[in-house]
Amino acid sequence: MGVEHGRHGQDQGGNGHGRAGGSHAGHRHGGGHAGHSHSHALSADADRRWLGLALALITGFMAVEVVIGVAARSLALISDAAHMLTDAASIALALIAMRLAARPARGGYTYGLKRAEILSAQANGLSLLLLGAWLAYESVGRLIDPPDVHGGLVTVTALAGVLVNVAATWCLSRANRSSLNIEGAYQHVLNDLIAFIGTAVAGLVVLLTGFARADAIATLFVVALMARAGYGLLRDSGRIFLEAAPAHVDPDELGDRLVSQPQVVEIHDLHVWQITSDQTALSAHVLVAPGGDCHAVRRELEDLLRCGYGITHTTLQVDHTADELLQVRGTRPGSVTEPPVEHAHCEDPHGPVHREEEHAH
């Protein structure tokens, strides 16, 4: 066609960026990582301290609760202790994941090990579902054949557990819950707090009325909460692993907004994904009107993404387009009789091509 296009931005399945910049008339219009900051050491240290304090509170009380639960023959207390065991494991896993995520990128891990935190969140969600399934099974058995339960012992222990879990929940609430890793540990402990409240109520019912099935009913209530929290963690972490756009970003709306900016003719190969729960990345191929300032357009788009969407990790390949590319038609190779077809700038663009006209979404 006599027009040499800039090299198409490489998309690496969301695990990499398009190439920064594109070739045009012997020079490159590069896209950078606008405003990307790696200065999170102080907040990460504070998060680890809060998680460590919560872990100490939970493990200490858990050991006491197991002994009392067996003595009182209370499934609700034993289930709370089992839940606290998963709380302790989730916090320990979160701490390990934070250490791994803090390691610098090197070798084949070009993002470092940031998604270790998302693995931790998935493990937390799965453990909640599996533990809930076991407790549901045990609860149904006790509804059919309820054992004798020592209501007074259950009530006192559960009230002590409420106090411990209030303290642990407060510690975790002080950490950065925008991290799905920390949110997973928080959900574990928050559900345990609600479980202890339910257990205390069940203990009072058994103590005052002798209705032993209240213990199993309280456990089923806790199971429902565990299933809800576990599903939420698996859903959110799964979106990140499948490299879906963040829940608050509509890629089609974003592409339309980018192409509406001055001098922008077309946006294609638009990809937006999360590296981890608090870090979003974006790459796109941008075509600018003939004579437009590619560098100025790139800066304006980066400012829009940063201020409008909070996306600071961007890679934009920016090229000029020729007049012919706005509406180019030709014949298929090797034929002069077949109907004309429109030629796109890239042979195989991923996703919709955004222009200032009607286009597929």
Foldseek 3Di string as FASTA:
>chain_A
DPADWWDWFDDDLLLDFGAAFTDDPHDTQGFALFPDDDPCVVQLVLLLVLLVVLLVLLVVLLVVLCVLCVVQVFLLSVLLSVLSVLLNVLSVQLNVLSVQQSDADDDPRNNGSNCSLLVSLLVLLVVLLVSLVVLLVVLVVCLVPPDQGQLVSQQVSLVVVLVSLVSSLVSLVPHDCLFSSSVSSNLSSVLSNQSSVQSNVLSVCCVPPVPRSSSSVSSNVSSVSSNVSSVVSNVQSVCQVSFHAPPVDDQVVLLQVLQPDPQWFKKFLWGWGAPGSPAIEIEIETEGEPPDDQNVSSVVSQVCCCVVPVHRRYRYHYIYDDPCLSFPWDDDPPDDPDDIDHDHPDPDTDDWMHGPDDTDD
